[in-house]
Amino acid sequence: MTADGSNPLISVQPNALKFVFELEKPSFCDLKVVNNTEHHVAFKVKTTSPKKYFVRPNTGVVQPWDSSVIRVTLQAPREYPPDMQCKDKFLLQSTVVPPNTDVDDLPADTFNKESTKEIQECKLKVFYVTPSSRGNSEDEGFKSYSDQAPDSNSAVQQLKDERDAAVRQTLQLQQELDFLKRRRHRRNDTGFSLSLR
């Protein structure tokens, strides 16, 4: 099956990356990638500024009707951009892959446009927001603290949000660690065997 432009393989929420911009402090934005099909869909994230951002995972496979969270971290900036404008962009490529394909098993040319399979692309812009504007931003994918009870409740909510983010990050790191262990274990399988005589 090939999907046309009106039937995307995956949808992304939010549709732009927003980072709270503070000097010497990293900031992150989570993207939710939803598979809208009954197929297994592989994705790859590319950016125009790879040295500025840390993307985990940058490649993956989403099961049918399932979703995956991609965390994009803006490395701690050292200086302000002109007018706080950001020209960076992200490109999320997606394509159908055979069932039960592991991310390790994706062929090198999976996202090569010269191949015969269809590759869909979704472009995402990047916006910087100042810490002071965070509280009254109502944009999608952005938590608003202004509509909650003042002071203690919003502080508690903010701590809960930070805790939840830390838990998500810990789980993500654990998954990466397991993934790396599996990959290393797989490589060791083809290595030498030590036999004592």
N, C-alpha and C. Protein backbone atom coordinates (compact mmCIF):
# COMPACT_ATOMS: atom_id res chain seq x y z
N MET A 1 0.84 -1.19 0.00
CA MET A 1 0.00 0.00 0.00
C MET A 1 0.87 1.24 0.00
N THR A 2 0.52 2.19 -0.79
CA THR A 2 1.23 3.47 -0.73
C THR A 2 0.26 4.52 -0.24
N ALA A 3 0.77 5.37 0.62
CA ALA A 3 -0.09 6.43 1.16
C ALA A 3 0.15 7.70 0.38
N ASP A 4 -0.93 8.41 0.07
CA ASP A 4 -0.73 9.69 -0.60
C ASP A 4 -0.66 10.79 0.45
N GLY A 5 -0.53 12.03 0.00
CA GLY A 5 -0.34 13.14 0.92
C GLY A 5 -1.48 13.31 1.90
N SER A 6 -2.70 12.87 1.53
CA SER A 6 -3.84 13.05 2.41
C SER A 6 -3.90 11.94 3.47
N ASN A 7 -3.08 10.94 3.32
CA ASN A 7 -3.10 9.82 4.27
C ASN A 7 -1.68 9.56 4.76
N PRO A 8 -1.19 10.39 5.69
CA PRO A 8 0.19 10.22 6.13
C PRO A 8 0.38 8.94 6.93
N LEU A 9 1.54 8.34 6.77
CA LEU A 9 1.86 7.13 7.53
C LEU A 9 1.89 7.45 9.02
N ILE A 10 2.51 8.59 9.34
CA ILE A 10 2.60 8.96 10.75
C ILE A 10 2.18 10.42 10.92
N SER A 11 1.70 10.72 12.12
CA SER A 11 1.43 12.11 12.45
C SER A 11 2.33 12.49 13.63
N VAL A 12 2.66 13.76 13.72
CA VAL A 12 3.59 14.24 14.73
C VAL A 12 2.92 15.33 15.56
N GLN A 13 3.04 15.22 16.87
CA GLN A 13 2.51 16.25 17.76
C GLN A 13 3.61 16.68 18.73
N PRO A 14 3.81 17.95 18.98
CA PRO A 14 3.23 19.08 18.26
C PRO A 14 3.86 19.20 16.87
N ASN A 15 3.36 20.14 16.06
CA ASN A 15 3.85 20.24 14.68
C ASN A 15 5.01 21.23 14.54
N ALA A 16 5.56 21.68 15.67
CA ALA A 16 6.76 22.52 15.68
C ALA A 16 7.47 22.27 17.00
N LEU A 17 8.78 22.48 17.00
CA LEU A 17 9.55 22.29 18.23
C LEU A 17 9.72 23.63 18.93
N LYS A 18 9.38 23.67 20.22
CA LYS A 18 9.53 24.90 20.99
C LYS A 18 10.47 24.63 22.14
N PHE A 19 11.50 25.46 22.24
CA PHE A 19 12.48 25.31 23.31
C PHE A 19 12.50 26.56 24.17
N VAL A 20 12.49 26.36 25.49
CA VAL A 20 12.69 27.49 26.39
C VAL A 20 14.17 27.84 26.31
N PHE A 21 14.47 29.04 25.85
CA PHE A 21 15.85 29.42 25.56
C PHE A 21 16.47 30.15 26.75
N GLU A 22 17.46 29.51 27.38
CA GLU A 22 18.23 30.14 28.46
C GLU A 22 19.70 29.83 28.23
N LEU A 23 20.54 30.85 28.38
CA LEU A 23 21.97 30.64 28.19
C LEU A 23 22.48 29.61 29.18
N GLU A 24 23.41 28.77 28.69
CA GLU A 24 24.09 27.75 29.52
C GLU A 24 23.13 26.70 30.10
N LYS A 25 21.90 26.62 29.58
CA LYS A 25 20.97 25.60 30.08
C LYS A 25 20.39 24.82 28.90
N PRO A 26 20.48 23.49 28.96
CA PRO A 26 19.84 22.72 27.89
C PRO A 26 18.32 22.77 28.04
N SER A 27 17.62 22.57 26.95
CA SER A 27 16.15 22.56 26.97
C SER A 27 15.70 21.42 26.07
N PHE A 28 14.54 20.84 26.37
CA PHE A 28 14.09 19.73 25.53
C PHE A 28 12.65 19.89 25.10
N CYS A 29 12.32 19.18 24.04
CA CYS A 29 10.96 19.15 23.51
C CYS A 29 10.67 17.71 23.11
N ASP A 30 9.55 17.17 23.56
CA ASP A 30 9.17 15.81 23.19
C ASP A 30 8.22 15.82 22.00
N LEU A 31 8.50 14.98 21.03
CA LEU A 31 7.62 14.82 19.87
C LEU A 31 6.96 13.46 19.97
N LYS A 32 5.65 13.44 19.79
CA LYS A 32 4.95 12.16 19.78
C LYS A 32 4.69 11.77 18.32
N VAL A 33 5.21 10.61 17.93
CA VAL A 33 5.07 10.11 16.56
C VAL A 33 4.03 8.99 16.60
N VAL A 34 2.92 9.17 15.88
CA VAL A 34 1.83 8.20 15.90
C VAL A 34 1.74 7.51 14.55
N ASN A 35 1.75 6.18 14.57
CA ASN A 35 1.59 5.38 13.35
C ASN A 35 0.10 5.29 13.04
N ASN A 36 -0.32 5.82 11.89
CA ASN A 36 -1.73 5.85 11.50
C ASN A 36 -2.14 4.67 10.64
N THR A 37 -1.31 3.64 10.57
CA THR A 37 -1.58 2.55 9.63
C THR A 37 -1.53 1.19 10.32
N GLU A 38 -1.87 0.17 9.53
CA GLU A 38 -1.77 -1.21 10.04
C GLU A 38 -0.40 -1.80 9.72
N HIS A 39 0.51 -0.97 9.21
CA HIS A 39 1.85 -1.43 8.84
C HIS A 39 2.86 -1.01 9.91
N HIS A 40 4.01 -1.68 9.88
CA HIS A 40 5.14 -1.22 10.69
C HIS A 40 5.79 -0.07 9.93
N VAL A 41 6.05 1.03 10.62
CA VAL A 41 6.59 2.22 9.96
C VAL A 41 7.91 2.61 10.63
N ALA A 42 8.96 2.75 9.80
CA ALA A 42 10.26 3.19 10.30
C ALA A 42 10.33 4.70 10.14
N PHE A 43 11.00 5.35 11.10
CA PHE A 43 11.18 6.80 10.99
C PHE A 43 12.64 7.17 11.22
N LYS A 44 13.02 8.32 10.68
CA LYS A 44 14.36 8.86 10.89
C LYS A 44 14.23 10.37 11.03
N VAL A 45 14.97 10.94 12.01
CA VAL A 45 14.92 12.38 12.24
C VAL A 45 16.24 12.99 11.77
N LYS A 46 16.12 14.05 10.95
CA LYS A 46 17.31 14.78 10.49
C LYS A 46 17.13 16.25 10.87
N THR A 47 18.25 16.96 11.03
CA THR A 47 18.17 18.38 11.34
C THR A 47 19.21 19.15 10.55
N THR A 48 18.93 20.44 10.34
CA THR A 48 19.88 21.30 9.63
C THR A 48 21.05 21.68 10.54
N SER A 49 20.91 21.46 11.86
CA SER A 49 21.98 21.83 12.81
C SER A 49 22.28 20.68 13.77
N PRO A 50 22.90 19.60 13.26
CA PRO A 50 23.10 18.41 14.10
C PRO A 50 23.96 18.64 15.34
N LYS A 51 24.83 19.65 15.32
CA LYS A 51 25.70 19.86 16.49
C LYS A 51 24.95 20.53 17.65
N LYS A 52 23.82 21.18 17.34
CA LYS A 52 23.08 21.90 18.38
C LYS A 52 22.08 21.03 19.12
N TYR A 53 21.69 19.91 18.50
CA TYR A 53 20.59 19.11 19.06
C TYR A 53 21.01 17.66 19.29
N PHE A 54 20.37 17.08 20.29
CA PHE A 54 20.58 15.69 20.64
C PHE A 54 19.22 15.01 20.49
N VAL A 55 19.09 14.06 19.57
CA VAL A 55 17.79 13.44 19.28
C VAL A 55 17.82 11.97 19.68
N ARG A 56 16.90 11.57 20.57
CA ARG A 56 16.84 10.18 21.01
C ARG A 56 15.41 9.68 21.05
N PRO A 57 15.07 8.61 20.37
CA PRO A 57 15.90 7.97 19.34
C PRO A 57 15.80 8.75 18.03
N ASN A 58 16.85 8.73 17.23
CA ASN A 58 16.77 9.45 15.95
C ASN A 58 16.28 8.53 14.83
N THR A 59 16.25 7.23 15.10
CA THR A 59 15.69 6.26 14.15
C THR A 59 14.90 5.24 14.96
N GLY A 60 13.80 4.78 14.41
CA GLY A 60 13.02 3.78 15.13
C GLY A 60 11.96 3.16 14.24
N VAL A 61 11.27 2.16 14.80
CA VAL A 61 10.18 1.49 14.11
C VAL A 61 8.96 1.56 15.03
N VAL A 62 7.84 2.06 14.49
CA VAL A 62 6.62 2.16 15.28
C VAL A 62 5.65 1.07 14.83
N GLN A 63 5.13 0.32 15.79
CA GLN A 63 4.19 -0.77 15.51
C GLN A 63 2.88 -0.18 14.96
N PRO A 64 2.06 -1.02 14.29
CA PRO A 64 0.78 -0.53 13.77
C PRO A 64 -0.07 0.11 14.86
N TRP A 65 -0.64 1.28 14.56
CA TRP A 65 -1.54 2.02 15.45
C TRP A 65 -0.90 2.40 16.78
N ASP A 66 0.41 2.30 16.87
CA ASP A 66 1.11 2.61 18.13
C ASP A 66 1.77 3.99 18.01
N SER A 67 2.46 4.38 19.05
CA SER A 67 3.16 5.67 19.01
C SER A 67 4.51 5.55 19.69
N SER A 68 5.34 6.54 19.46
CA SER A 68 6.68 6.58 20.04
C SER A 68 6.98 8.03 20.39
N VAL A 69 7.77 8.23 21.45
CA VAL A 69 8.14 9.59 21.85
C VAL A 69 9.60 9.82 21.51
N ILE A 70 9.86 10.92 20.83
CA ILE A 70 11.23 11.32 20.48
C ILE A 70 11.56 12.54 21.33
N ARG A 71 12.67 12.47 22.05
CA ARG A 71 13.09 13.63 22.83
C ARG A 71 14.18 14.37 22.08
N VAL A 72 13.94 15.65 21.81
CA VAL A 72 14.92 16.50 21.14
C VAL A 72 15.45 17.48 22.18
N THR A 73 16.76 17.44 22.40
CA THR A 73 17.37 18.31 23.40
C THR A 73 18.22 19.37 22.71
N LEU A 74 17.94 20.62 23.05
CA LEU A 74 18.76 21.73 22.58
C LEU A 74 19.94 21.83 23.54
N GLN A 75 21.17 21.64 23.03
CA GLN A 75 22.35 21.73 23.89
C GLN A 75 22.42 23.12 24.50
N ALA A 76 23.04 23.23 25.67
CA ALA A 76 23.13 24.51 26.37
C ALA A 76 23.73 25.58 25.46
N PRO A 77 22.92 26.60 25.08
CA PRO A 77 23.45 27.62 24.17
C PRO A 77 24.40 28.59 24.89
N ARG A 78 25.37 29.12 24.15
CA ARG A 78 26.35 30.03 24.74
C ARG A 78 26.03 31.49 24.42
N GLU A 79 25.20 31.71 23.40
CA GLU A 79 24.86 33.10 23.05
C GLU A 79 23.46 33.15 22.47
N TYR A 80 22.87 34.35 22.54
CA TYR A 80 21.52 34.53 22.01
C TYR A 80 21.57 34.67 20.48
N PRO A 81 20.60 34.07 19.78
CA PRO A 81 20.53 34.29 18.33
C PRO A 81 19.96 35.68 18.06
N PRO A 82 20.22 36.24 16.88
CA PRO A 82 19.67 37.56 16.55
C PRO A 82 18.13 37.55 16.63
N ASP A 83 17.59 38.49 17.37
CA ASP A 83 16.12 38.64 17.52
C ASP A 83 15.44 37.37 18.03
N MET A 84 16.19 36.49 18.67
CA MET A 84 15.65 35.22 19.20
C MET A 84 14.99 34.40 18.10
N GLN A 85 15.39 34.62 16.84
CA GLN A 85 14.83 33.85 15.73
C GLN A 85 15.69 32.60 15.52
N CYS A 86 15.03 31.52 15.17
CA CYS A 86 15.75 30.27 14.90
C CYS A 86 15.43 29.81 13.49
N LYS A 87 16.48 29.56 12.72
CA LYS A 87 16.27 29.10 11.34
C LYS A 87 16.43 27.58 11.22
N ASP A 88 16.70 26.91 12.34
CA ASP A 88 16.88 25.46 12.30
C ASP A 88 15.57 24.77 11.92
N LYS A 89 15.72 23.65 11.23
CA LYS A 89 14.54 22.86 10.85
C LYS A 89 14.84 21.38 11.10
N PHE A 90 13.77 20.63 11.29
CA PHE A 90 13.88 19.18 11.44
C PHE A 90 13.07 18.52 10.34
N LEU A 91 13.55 17.36 9.91
CA LEU A 91 12.86 16.58 8.88
C LEU A 91 12.63 15.19 9.45
N LEU A 92 11.37 14.77 9.45
CA LEU A 92 11.03 13.44 9.93
C LEU A 92 10.62 12.62 8.72
N GLN A 93 11.42 11.61 8.38
CA GLN A 93 11.12 10.74 7.24
C GLN A 93 10.46 9.46 7.76
N SER A 94 9.53 8.92 6.98
CA SER A 94 8.89 7.67 7.38
C SER A 94 8.64 6.80 6.16
N THR A 95 8.68 5.50 6.37
CA THR A 95 8.43 4.55 5.29
C THR A 95 7.96 3.23 5.89
N VAL A 96 7.17 2.48 5.11
CA VAL A 96 6.67 1.19 5.57
C VAL A 96 7.80 0.16 5.52
N VAL A 97 7.90 -0.66 6.57
CA VAL A 97 8.92 -1.73 6.60
C VAL A 97 8.22 -3.06 6.90
N PRO A 98 8.88 -4.19 6.62
CA PRO A 98 8.25 -5.49 6.89
C PRO A 98 7.93 -5.65 8.38
N PRO A 99 6.88 -6.43 8.71
CA PRO A 99 6.52 -6.66 10.12
C PRO A 99 7.71 -7.20 10.92
N ASN A 100 7.73 -6.84 12.18
CA ASN A 100 8.77 -7.30 13.13
C ASN A 100 10.18 -6.91 12.74
N THR A 101 10.32 -5.83 11.97
CA THR A 101 11.65 -5.32 11.66
C THR A 101 12.20 -4.62 12.89
N ASP A 102 13.41 -5.00 13.29
CA ASP A 102 14.06 -4.35 14.43
C ASP A 102 14.84 -3.15 13.90
N VAL A 103 14.96 -2.11 14.73
CA VAL A 103 15.66 -0.91 14.28
C VAL A 103 17.10 -1.24 13.86
N ASP A 104 17.71 -2.25 14.50
CA ASP A 104 19.07 -2.67 14.15
C ASP A 104 19.15 -3.28 12.75
N ASP A 105 18.01 -3.82 12.30
CA ASP A 105 18.01 -4.55 11.02
C ASP A 105 17.64 -3.69 9.83
N LEU A 106 17.40 -2.39 10.05
CA LEU A 106 17.01 -1.52 8.93
C LEU A 106 18.17 -1.42 7.95
N PRO A 107 17.92 -1.68 6.66
CA PRO A 107 19.00 -1.55 5.67
C PRO A 107 19.51 -0.12 5.60
N ALA A 108 20.76 0.04 5.22
CA ALA A 108 21.38 1.37 5.17
C ALA A 108 20.64 2.32 4.23
N ASP A 109 19.99 1.75 3.18
CA ASP A 109 19.31 2.61 2.21
C ASP A 109 17.81 2.78 2.49
N THR A 110 17.38 2.48 3.72
CA THR A 110 15.95 2.56 4.05
C THR A 110 15.37 3.93 3.73
N PHE A 111 16.12 4.99 3.99
CA PHE A 111 15.59 6.34 3.77
C PHE A 111 16.24 7.02 2.57
N ASN A 112 16.76 6.20 1.67
CA ASN A 112 17.38 6.72 0.46
C ASN A 112 16.29 7.00 -0.57
N LYS A 113 16.22 8.24 -1.05
CA LYS A 113 15.14 8.62 -1.96
C LYS A 113 15.24 7.92 -3.31
N GLU A 114 16.40 7.40 -3.65
CA GLU A 114 16.55 6.73 -4.95
C GLU A 114 15.89 5.35 -4.93
N SER A 115 15.60 4.83 -3.75
CA SER A 115 15.01 3.49 -3.69
C SER A 115 13.57 3.54 -4.20
N THR A 116 13.00 2.37 -4.47
CA THR A 116 11.67 2.31 -5.08
C THR A 116 10.56 2.59 -4.08
N LYS A 117 10.81 2.35 -2.81
CA LYS A 117 9.72 2.53 -1.85
C LYS A 117 9.43 3.99 -1.56
N GLU A 118 8.21 4.22 -1.13
CA GLU A 118 7.77 5.59 -0.86
C GLU A 118 8.29 6.07 0.49
N ILE A 119 8.84 7.27 0.49
CA ILE A 119 9.31 7.88 1.74
C ILE A 119 8.53 9.17 1.93
N GLN A 120 7.82 9.25 3.05
CA GLN A 120 7.08 10.48 3.35
C GLN A 120 7.95 11.37 4.23
N GLU A 121 7.76 12.67 4.08
CA GLU A 121 8.57 13.61 4.86
C GLU A 121 7.68 14.63 5.54
N CYS A 122 8.05 14.96 6.76
CA CYS A 122 7.33 15.96 7.54
C CYS A 122 8.36 16.96 8.04
N LYS A 123 8.16 18.25 7.68
CA LYS A 123 9.12 19.27 8.10
C LYS A 123 8.61 19.97 9.35
N LEU A 124 9.52 20.20 10.29
CA LEU A 124 9.16 20.85 11.56
C LEU A 124 10.05 22.06 11.78
N LYS A 125 9.44 23.20 12.09
CA LYS A 125 10.21 24.40 12.39
C LYS A 125 10.58 24.42 13.87
N VAL A 126 11.56 25.24 14.20
CA VAL A 126 12.01 25.38 15.58
C VAL A 126 11.74 26.81 16.05
N PHE A 127 11.20 26.93 17.25
CA PHE A 127 10.96 28.25 17.85
C PHE A 127 11.60 28.31 19.23
N TYR A 128 12.15 29.47 19.55
CA TYR A 128 12.69 29.70 20.90
C TYR A 128 11.70 30.57 21.66
N VAL A 129 11.47 30.22 22.90
CA VAL A 129 10.64 31.07 23.75
C VAL A 129 11.44 31.43 24.99
N THR A 130 11.18 32.60 25.54
CA THR A 130 11.90 33.02 26.74
C THR A 130 11.23 32.39 27.95
N PRO A 131 11.99 32.17 29.04
CA PRO A 131 11.41 31.56 30.24
C PRO A 131 10.20 32.33 30.76
N SER A 132 10.19 33.65 30.64
CA SER A 132 9.08 34.45 31.16
C SER A 132 7.80 34.24 30.37
N SER A 133 7.91 33.91 29.07
CA SER A 133 6.70 33.73 28.27
C SER A 133 6.15 32.31 28.40
N ARG A 134 6.90 31.45 29.07
CA ARG A 134 6.45 30.06 29.18
C ARG A 134 5.12 29.98 29.94
N GLY A 135 4.96 30.76 30.98
CA GLY A 135 3.79 30.66 31.84
C GLY A 135 2.48 30.99 31.15
N ASN A 136 2.49 31.91 30.16
CA ASN A 136 1.21 32.27 29.56
C ASN A 136 1.09 31.79 28.12
N SER A 137 1.93 30.86 27.72
CA SER A 137 1.80 30.32 26.36
C SER A 137 0.73 29.25 26.36
N GLU A 138 -0.21 29.37 25.45
CA GLU A 138 -1.29 28.39 25.36
C GLU A 138 -1.08 27.46 24.17
N ASP A 139 0.09 27.53 23.56
CA ASP A 139 0.33 26.74 22.35
C ASP A 139 0.28 25.25 22.65
N GLU A 140 -0.09 24.50 21.62
CA GLU A 140 -0.17 23.05 21.73
C GLU A 140 1.21 22.49 22.07
N GLY A 141 1.22 21.46 22.91
CA GLY A 141 2.48 20.83 23.26
C GLY A 141 3.26 21.62 24.29
N PHE A 142 2.64 22.66 24.83
CA PHE A 142 3.33 23.50 25.80
C PHE A 142 2.50 23.55 27.06
N LYS A 143 3.09 23.24 28.21
CA LYS A 143 2.33 23.25 29.45
C LYS A 143 2.11 24.68 29.90
N SER A 144 0.91 24.95 30.31
CA SER A 144 0.60 26.29 30.79
C SER A 144 0.37 26.23 32.29
N TYR A 145 1.08 27.07 33.00
CA TYR A 145 0.91 27.10 34.45
C TYR A 145 -0.03 28.24 34.87
N SER A 146 -0.37 29.14 33.93
CA SER A 146 -1.14 30.32 34.30
C SER A 146 -2.59 30.01 34.61
N ASP A 147 -3.12 28.88 34.07
CA ASP A 147 -4.53 28.60 34.29
C ASP A 147 -4.76 27.77 35.55
N GLN A 148 -3.74 27.58 36.35
CA GLN A 148 -3.90 26.84 37.60
C GLN A 148 -3.95 27.82 38.76
N ALA A 149 -4.29 27.30 39.92
CA ALA A 149 -4.32 28.15 41.11
C ALA A 149 -2.94 28.75 41.33
N PRO A 150 -2.87 29.95 41.85
CA PRO A 150 -1.58 30.63 41.98
C PRO A 150 -0.62 29.93 42.94
N ASP A 151 0.64 30.27 42.79
CA ASP A 151 1.74 29.94 43.69
C ASP A 151 1.90 28.45 43.97
N SER A 152 1.45 27.99 45.16
CA SER A 152 1.82 26.65 45.60
C SER A 152 1.36 25.57 44.63
N ASN A 153 0.11 25.68 44.13
CA ASN A 153 -0.38 24.65 43.22
C ASN A 153 0.42 24.59 41.94
N SER A 154 0.74 25.75 41.37
CA SER A 154 1.50 25.73 40.12
C SER A 154 2.92 25.25 40.37
N ALA A 155 3.47 25.57 41.54
CA ALA A 155 4.82 25.09 41.87
C ALA A 155 4.81 23.57 42.01
N VAL A 156 3.78 23.05 42.66
CA VAL A 156 3.66 21.59 42.82
C VAL A 156 3.49 20.93 41.46
N GLN A 157 2.63 21.53 40.62
CA GLN A 157 2.41 20.98 39.29
C GLN A 157 3.70 20.99 38.48
N GLN A 158 4.46 22.08 38.60
CA GLN A 158 5.71 22.18 37.86
C GLN A 158 6.68 21.08 38.32
N LEU A 159 6.74 20.86 39.63
CA LEU A 159 7.62 19.80 40.15
C LEU A 159 7.16 18.42 39.65
N LYS A 160 5.83 18.23 39.61
CA LYS A 160 5.31 16.95 39.10
C LYS A 160 5.69 16.76 37.64
N ASP A 161 5.54 17.83 36.86
CA ASP A 161 5.90 17.76 35.44
C ASP A 161 7.38 17.43 35.28
N GLU A 162 8.23 18.09 36.10
CA GLU A 162 9.67 17.84 36.01
C GLU A 162 9.99 16.41 36.43
N ARG A 163 9.28 15.92 37.47
CA ARG A 163 9.50 14.54 37.89
C ARG A 163 9.10 13.57 36.78
N ASP A 164 7.92 13.82 36.18
CA ASP A 164 7.46 12.95 35.08
C ASP A 164 8.46 12.96 33.93
N ALA A 165 8.98 14.14 33.62
CA ALA A 165 9.97 14.24 32.54
C ALA A 165 11.22 13.45 32.89
N ALA A 166 11.64 13.53 34.16
CA ALA A 166 12.83 12.79 34.60
C ALA A 166 12.59 11.29 34.52
N VAL A 167 11.39 10.86 34.91
CA VAL A 167 11.04 9.43 34.83
C VAL A 167 11.07 8.96 33.38
N ARG A 168 10.47 9.79 32.47
CA ARG A 168 10.47 9.43 31.05
C ARG A 168 11.90 9.32 30.52
N GLN A 169 12.74 10.28 30.94
CA GLN A 169 14.12 10.28 30.46
C GLN A 169 14.86 9.05 30.98
N THR A 170 14.62 8.69 32.25
CA THR A 170 15.26 7.51 32.82
C THR A 170 14.84 6.25 32.05
N LEU A 171 13.53 6.14 31.76
CA LEU A 171 13.05 4.99 31.00
C LEU A 171 13.68 4.94 29.61
N GLN A 172 13.78 6.11 29.00
CA GLN A 172 14.37 6.19 27.66
C GLN A 172 15.83 5.77 27.69
N LEU A 173 16.56 6.24 28.71
CA LEU A 173 17.97 5.86 28.84
C LEU A 173 18.11 4.36 29.09
N GLN A 174 17.18 3.80 29.90
CA GLN A 174 17.20 2.37 30.15
C GLN A 174 16.98 1.59 28.86
N GLN A 175 16.03 2.07 28.03
CA GLN A 175 15.77 1.41 26.75
C GLN A 175 17.00 1.48 25.85
N GLU A 176 17.67 2.65 25.84
CA GLU A 176 18.88 2.79 25.03
C GLU A 176 19.97 1.83 25.50
N LEU A 177 20.10 1.72 26.84
CA LEU A 177 21.11 0.84 27.41
C LEU A 177 20.82 -0.61 27.02
N ASP A 178 19.56 -1.02 27.15
CA ASP A 178 19.18 -2.38 26.75
C ASP A 178 19.46 -2.61 25.27
N PHE A 179 19.12 -1.60 24.46
CA PHE A 179 19.34 -1.67 23.02
C PHE A 179 20.83 -1.86 22.72
N LEU A 180 21.69 -1.08 23.39
CA LEU A 180 23.13 -1.18 23.16
C LEU A 180 23.67 -2.53 23.63
N LYS A 181 23.13 -3.02 24.75
CA LYS A 181 23.56 -4.34 25.24
C LYS A 181 23.19 -5.42 24.23
N ARG A 182 21.94 -5.32 23.69
CA ARG A 182 21.50 -6.32 22.68
C ARG A 182 22.41 -6.28 21.46
N ARG A 183 22.72 -5.05 21.03
CA ARG A 183 23.56 -4.88 19.84
C ARG A 183 24.94 -5.48 20.09
N ARG A 184 25.51 -5.20 21.29
CA ARG A 184 26.84 -5.72 21.61
C ARG A 184 26.78 -7.24 21.71
N HIS A 185 25.71 -7.74 22.34
CA HIS A 185 25.55 -9.19 22.49
C HIS A 185 25.46 -9.85 21.12
N ARG A 186 24.73 -9.20 20.22
CA ARG A 186 24.57 -9.72 18.87
C ARG A 186 25.92 -9.78 18.15
N ARG A 187 26.71 -8.72 18.33
CA ARG A 187 28.04 -8.71 17.69
C ARG A 187 28.93 -9.80 18.29
N ASN A 188 28.82 -10.03 19.59
CA ASN A 188 29.66 -11.03 20.25
C ASN A 188 29.31 -12.43 19.79
N ASP A 189 28.03 -12.63 19.38
CA ASP A 189 27.61 -13.97 18.93
C ASP A 189 28.45 -14.44 17.74
N THR A 190 28.85 -13.49 16.88
CA THR A 190 29.59 -13.90 15.70
C THR A 190 31.08 -13.92 15.97
N GLY A 191 31.48 -13.60 17.17
CA GLY A 191 32.90 -13.55 17.52
C GLY A 191 33.47 -14.93 17.77
N PHE A 192 34.63 -14.95 18.43
CA PHE A 192 35.29 -16.24 18.67
C PHE A 192 34.70 -16.90 19.90
N SER A 193 34.86 -18.21 19.95
CA SER A 193 34.42 -18.93 21.15
C SER A 193 35.68 -19.47 21.83
N LEU A 194 35.69 -19.34 23.12
CA LEU A 194 36.85 -19.76 23.89
C LEU A 194 36.59 -21.18 24.39
N SER A 195 37.45 -22.09 24.01
CA SER A 195 37.28 -23.45 24.50
C SER A 195 38.53 -23.88 25.24
N LEU A 196 38.33 -24.40 26.40
CA LEU A 196 39.47 -24.86 27.20
C LEU A 196 39.68 -26.35 26.93
N ARG A 197 40.94 -26.69 26.65
CA ARG A 197 41.23 -28.10 26.38
C ARG A 197 42.06 -28.69 27.48
